[in-house]
Protein backbone atom coordinates (compact mmCIF):
# COMPACT_ATOMS: atom_id res chain seq x y z
CA MET A 1 16.28 -40.72 47.45
CA ASN A 2 18.27 -40.10 50.86
CA LYS A 3 17.31 -37.64 53.69
CA VAL A 4 17.95 -36.56 56.96
CA THR A 5 15.47 -36.41 59.66
CA VAL A 6 16.11 -33.56 62.29
CA GLU A 7 14.11 -33.11 65.50
CA LEU A 8 13.83 -29.47 66.83
CA LEU A 9 12.41 -27.68 69.73
CA GLU A 10 10.34 -24.48 69.05
CA TRP A 11 12.88 -22.23 69.72
CA GLU A 12 15.40 -23.94 67.44
CA ALA A 13 12.81 -24.25 64.59
CA ARG A 14 12.24 -20.44 64.89
CA LEU A 15 16.26 -19.82 64.42
CA VAL A 16 16.38 -22.12 61.57
CA LEU A 17 13.36 -20.55 59.70
CA LEU A 18 14.89 -16.88 60.67
CA ALA A 19 18.62 -18.08 59.30
CA MET A 20 16.66 -19.58 55.93
CA ALA A 21 14.79 -15.97 55.65
CA GLU A 22 17.73 -13.94 56.27
CA LEU A 23 19.92 -15.98 53.67
CA LYS A 24 17.09 -15.81 51.21
CA ASP A 25 17.05 -12.15 51.62
CA LYS A 26 20.92 -12.09 50.79
CA TRP A 27 20.79 -14.37 47.92
CA ARG A 28 17.77 -12.15 46.37
CA THR A 29 19.67 -9.07 46.72
CA ILE A 30 22.83 -10.81 45.16
CA CYS A 31 20.62 -12.01 42.25
CA ASN A 32 19.21 -8.59 41.61
CA THR A 33 22.50 -6.60 41.66
CA THR A 34 25.16 -8.63 40.19
CA THR A 35 26.09 -8.13 36.67
CA ASP A 36 27.61 -11.35 36.07
CA GLU A 37 25.32 -13.91 34.49
CA ASP A 38 26.97 -16.99 35.93
CA VAL A 39 26.43 -15.39 39.70
CA GLN A 40 22.98 -14.60 39.01
CA ALA A 41 22.12 -18.17 37.66
CA ASP A 42 23.99 -20.10 40.31
CA TYR A 43 22.47 -17.97 43.17
CA GLY A 44 19.08 -17.83 41.47
CA ASN A 45 18.99 -21.64 41.51
CA ASP A 46 19.98 -22.12 45.05
CA LEU A 47 17.67 -19.45 45.80
CA VAL A 48 14.74 -21.78 44.35
CA GLU A 49 16.19 -24.59 46.30
CA LEU A 50 16.12 -22.67 49.46
CA GLY A 51 12.68 -21.66 49.11
CA MET A 52 11.51 -25.29 48.85
CA ALA A 53 13.51 -26.46 51.90
CA MET A 54 12.16 -23.17 53.79
CA ASP A 55 8.66 -24.30 52.51
CA SER A 56 9.02 -27.64 53.93
CA ILE A 57 10.43 -26.83 57.37
CA LYS A 58 7.69 -24.09 57.74
CA GLU A 59 4.95 -26.34 56.78
CA LYS A 60 6.05 -28.92 59.56
CA SER A 61 7.17 -26.17 61.85
CA VAL A 62 3.69 -24.42 61.73
CA ALA A 63 1.86 -27.75 62.17
CA GLU A 64 3.72 -28.60 65.23
CA PHE A 65 4.14 -25.24 66.96
CA GLY A 66 1.43 -23.15 65.39
CA GLU A 67 1.52 -19.77 63.29
CA GLN A 68 3.56 -18.09 66.10
CA ILE A 69 6.66 -20.07 64.97
CA LEU A 70 6.77 -17.65 61.94
CA ILE A 71 7.01 -14.48 64.04
CA PHE A 72 10.68 -13.28 64.32
CA ASP A 73 9.97 -9.96 65.58
CA ARG A 74 11.80 -8.98 68.78
CA THR A 75 9.90 -6.13 69.97
CA PRO A 76 8.17 -6.82 73.36
CA LEU A 77 4.41 -7.19 73.16
């Protein structure tokens, strides 16, 4: 199996996780609203793979940077 290794700074990892979370929501909405079974199957399969990739990046990011890496809130503290 081939693989790519990428090194990310904390802010880069946060942006990647945020983008993945937003894409996951978008694809979930498509799956839940389309009436086309082929589209639903394609997005459903991609959603599963996106979830697995996101889980892997999330696990490694939390191990490296801590739980705060998962906070996407832009509200000032």
